[in-house]
Structure formats: C-alpha cells, structure tokens
N, C-alpha and C. Protein backbone atom coordinates (compact mmCIF):
# COMPACT_ATOMS: atom_id res chain seq x y z
N MET A 1 1.16 -1.11 0.08
CA MET A 1 0.08 -0.05 -0.19
C MET A 1 0.65 0.85 0.10
N ASP A 2 0.28 2.36 -0.81
CA ASP A 2 1.20 3.82 -0.91
C ASP A 2 1.03 4.15 0.18
N LYS A 3 1.75 4.61 0.65
CA LYS A 3 1.30 5.71 1.56
C LYS A 3 0.51 7.22 0.41
N ILE A 4 -0.78 8.18 1.14
CA ILE A 4 -0.29 9.58 0.83
C ILE A 4 0.05 11.21 1.70
N PRO A 5 0.93 10.85 1.75
CA PRO A 5 1.25 11.79 2.96
C PRO A 5 0.53 13.33 2.11
N PHE A 6 -0.67 13.99 3.74
CA PHE A 6 -1.63 14.64 3.60
C PHE A 6 -0.61 15.84 4.35
N GLU A 7 -0.64 16.66 3.85
CA GLU A 7 0.20 17.85 4.33
C GLU A 7 -1.12 19.11 5.31
N ALA A 8 -0.86 19.43 6.03
CA ALA A 8 -2.01 20.37 6.14
C ALA A 8 -1.52 21.97 5.79
N GLY A 9 -2.69 22.68 5.32
CA GLY A 9 -2.24 23.81 4.20
C GLY A 9 -2.78 25.10 4.78
N ARG A 10 -2.72 26.21 3.98
CA ARG A 10 -2.94 27.40 4.59
C ARG A 10 -3.82 28.45 4.23
N LYS A 11 -5.01 29.10 4.37
CA LYS A 11 -5.99 30.26 3.93
C LYS A 11 -4.92 31.55 3.57
N ILE A 12 -4.51 31.62 1.84
CA ILE A 12 -4.39 33.07 1.90
C ILE A 12 -5.11 33.38 1.60
N LYS A 13 -6.57 33.52 0.77
CA LYS A 13 -6.93 34.50 0.80
C LYS A 13 -8.71 34.14 1.10
N ASN A 14 -9.96 34.70 1.29
CA ASN A 14 -11.68 34.17 1.63
C ASN A 14 -12.49 33.99 -0.30
N ALA A 15 -12.95 33.14 0.51
CA ALA A 15 -13.75 32.89 -1.01
C ALA A 15 -14.15 34.10 -1.31
N TYR A 16 -13.72 34.02 -3.40
CA TYR A 16 -15.19 35.43 -3.69
C TYR A 16 -15.39 34.44 -5.28
N VAL A 17 -16.21 35.64 -5.40
CA VAL A 17 -16.89 35.61 -6.54
C VAL A 17 -16.35 37.19 -7.18
N THR A 18 -16.66 37.07 -8.57
CA THR A 18 -16.34 37.89 -9.09
C THR A 18 -17.26 38.62 -10.43
N ILE A 19 -18.01 39.59 -10.16
CA ILE A 19 -18.72 40.51 -11.12
C ILE A 19 -18.93 41.13 -11.43
N ASP A 20 -19.17 41.59 -12.78
CA ASP A 20 -18.77 42.76 -13.17
C ASP A 20 -17.27 43.06 -13.15
N GLY A 21 -16.31 42.27 -12.91
CA GLY A 21 -14.89 43.38 -13.01
C GLY A 21 -15.03 42.87 -10.83
N VAL A 22 -16.02 43.27 -10.71
CA VAL A 22 -15.66 43.80 -9.03
C VAL A 22 -15.04 41.83 -8.13
N GLU A 23 -14.97 42.53 -7.32
CA GLU A 23 -14.10 41.14 -6.34
C GLU A 23 -15.45 41.33 -4.79
N TYR A 24 -17.05 40.01 -4.63
CA TYR A 24 -16.93 39.81 -3.48
C TYR A 24 -16.74 38.89 -2.44
N GLU A 25 -16.12 39.14 -1.68
CA GLU A 25 -16.15 38.00 -0.32
C GLU A 25 -17.87 37.08 -0.62
N VAL A 26 -17.39 36.21 -0.25
CA VAL A 26 -18.33 34.40 0.07
C VAL A 26 -19.08 34.41 1.28
N ILE A 27 -19.91 34.18 0.88
CA ILE A 27 -19.95 33.84 3.56
C ILE A 27 -19.25 32.59 3.23
N PRO A 28 -18.56 31.76 4.75
CA PRO A 28 -18.21 30.37 4.27
C PRO A 28 -19.50 29.37 4.38
N ALA A 29 -18.89 28.33 4.55
CA ALA A 29 -20.37 27.35 5.04
C ALA A 29 -20.17 27.31 6.42
N GLU A 30 -20.75 26.68 6.78
CA GLU A 30 -20.42 26.00 8.33
C GLU A 30 -20.68 24.24 8.65
N TYR A 31 -19.94 24.37 9.12
CA TYR A 31 -19.82 22.72 9.49
C TYR A 31 -19.82 22.55 11.03
N GLU A 32 -20.05 21.05 11.07
CA GLU A 32 -21.10 20.38 12.30
C GLU A 32 -19.93 18.86 12.57
N GLY A 33 -19.80 18.25 13.68
CA GLY A 33 -19.34 17.55 13.36
C GLY A 33 -18.06 17.41 14.32
N ASN A 34 -17.46 16.22 14.68
CA ASN A 34 -17.04 15.39 15.94
C ASN A 34 -15.21 15.20 15.83
N THR A 35 -14.70 14.90 14.18
CA THR A 35 -14.47 14.25 13.85
C THR A 35 -13.28 15.84 12.36
N PRO A 36 -12.20 16.37 13.37
CA PRO A 36 -12.06 17.39 12.42
C PRO A 36 -11.08 16.83 10.68
N LEU A 37 -11.69 16.67 9.18
CA LEU A 37 -10.32 16.46 8.69
C LEU A 37 -9.71 17.44 8.29
N SER A 38 -8.57 16.77 8.90
CA SER A 38 -7.18 17.66 8.93
C SER A 38 -5.60 16.77 8.49
N SER A 39 -5.44 17.16 8.02
CA SER A 39 -3.76 16.50 7.11
C SER A 39 -3.25 15.78 8.60
N TYR A 40 -3.29 15.68 10.28
CA TYR A 40 -3.16 15.04 10.54
C TYR A 40 -3.78 13.97 11.21
N ILE A 41 -4.97 13.80 11.20
CA ILE A 41 -6.17 12.98 11.12
C ILE A 41 -6.30 11.57 9.89
N LEU A 42 -5.92 12.34 8.54
CA LEU A 42 -5.97 11.27 7.15
C LEU A 42 -4.94 10.33 7.91
N ASN A 43 -3.19 11.17 8.29
CA ASN A 43 -2.45 10.22 8.15
C ASN A 43 -2.73 9.15 9.07
N LEU A 44 -3.28 10.01 10.40
CA LEU A 44 -3.84 8.26 11.69
C LEU A 44 -5.35 7.90 10.47
N LEU A 45 -4.89 7.56 9.75
CA LEU A 45 -6.57 6.58 9.57
C LEU A 45 -5.41 5.33 8.11
N GLN A 46 -4.95 6.39 7.72
CA GLN A 46 -3.47 5.73 7.22
C GLN A 46 -3.23 4.87 7.57
N ASP A 47 -2.48 5.29 9.30
CA ASP A 47 -2.11 4.17 9.93
C ASP A 47 -2.18 3.20 9.81
N ASN A 48 -3.49 3.38 10.82
CA ASN A 48 -4.60 2.35 11.32
C ASN A 48 -4.81 1.98 10.09
N VAL A 49 -4.46 1.87 8.92
CA VAL A 49 -5.06 0.74 7.35
C VAL A 49 -4.53 -0.15 7.87
N GLU A 50 -3.45 0.72 7.40
CA GLU A 50 -2.08 -0.41 7.41
C GLU A 50 -1.34 -1.01 8.47
N ASN A 51 -1.87 -1.04 9.78
CA ASN A 51 -1.85 -1.36 11.29
C ASN A 51 -2.85 -2.45 11.42
N GLU A 52 -4.65 -2.40 10.87
CA GLU A 52 -4.79 -3.13 10.21
C GLU A 52 -4.38 -4.39 10.00
N LEU A 53 -4.03 -3.99 8.27
CA LEU A 53 -3.84 -4.73 7.16
C LEU A 53 -2.60 -5.76 7.69
N ASN A 54 -2.03 -5.03 7.83
CA ASN A 54 0.00 -5.67 8.55
C ASN A 54 -0.96 -6.61 10.32
N LYS A 55 -1.69 -6.66 10.34
CA LYS A 55 -2.01 -7.39 11.66
C LYS A 55 -2.82 -9.20 10.96
N ARG A 56 -3.69 -8.48 10.22
CA ARG A 56 -4.34 -9.61 9.36
C ARG A 56 -3.04 -10.52 8.47
N LEU A 57 -2.15 -10.23 7.57
CA LEU A 57 -1.59 -10.70 6.18
C LEU A 57 -0.69 -11.95 7.97
N GLU A 58 -0.51 -11.48 9.22
CA GLU A 58 0.43 -11.84 10.16
C GLU A 58 -0.14 -13.68 10.73
N PHE A 59 -1.97 -13.56 10.29
CA PHE A 59 -2.25 -13.72 10.88
C PHE A 59 -2.80 -14.91 10.03
N GLU A 60 -2.83 -14.86 9.10
CA GLU A 60 -2.84 -15.62 8.25
C GLU A 60 -1.85 -16.58 7.51
N VAL A 61 -0.36 -15.75 8.00
CA VAL A 61 0.61 -16.67 7.64
C VAL A 61 0.50 -17.61 8.62
N VAL A 62 0.55 -17.05 9.81
CA VAL A 62 0.15 -18.29 11.60
C VAL A 62 -0.57 -19.21 10.79
N GLU A 63 -1.52 -18.90 10.58
CA GLU A 63 -2.96 -20.36 9.92
C GLU A 63 -2.62 -20.88 9.27
N GLU A 64 -1.44 -20.94 8.79
CA GLU A 64 -0.80 -21.65 7.16
C GLU A 64 -0.50 -22.23 7.82
N TRP A 65 0.57 -22.65 9.34
CA TRP A 65 2.09 -22.77 9.15
C TRP A 65 0.53 -24.04 10.22
C-alpha cells in the first residue's frame, strides 16, 4: 500500500466571486461534527489501516503453518 503524505495547508485568501470585475467575498459554509478533517487525522487513518492489514496478514501466515 502506498501512503499519501497529507500536509496541512493555510488559507491565503477568503473565497470570493467576481461580478462585473468586482470581487465580492463569499460567506463560508458552516460545519458540524466531532472529527475534524485535517492532515493529522488523514495520516492517522492511513496508519490505522496499514496496521490492521499487517495484523491480518500476520495472522493468515501463522494460520497456514
């Protein structure tokens, strides 16, 4: 399994729409939930999946003996 290294970014400009050459700021969406979507959480998820796969592969090899 190839890991994808997620990195946190940073906002450099608010969302906007251009109408007739004038930029208007867009009101950002609101979010609700207990698990923030971040690079840390995505990397943790990948580590967790990899660890579980390794456990299952080790178990299958031992079972064949």
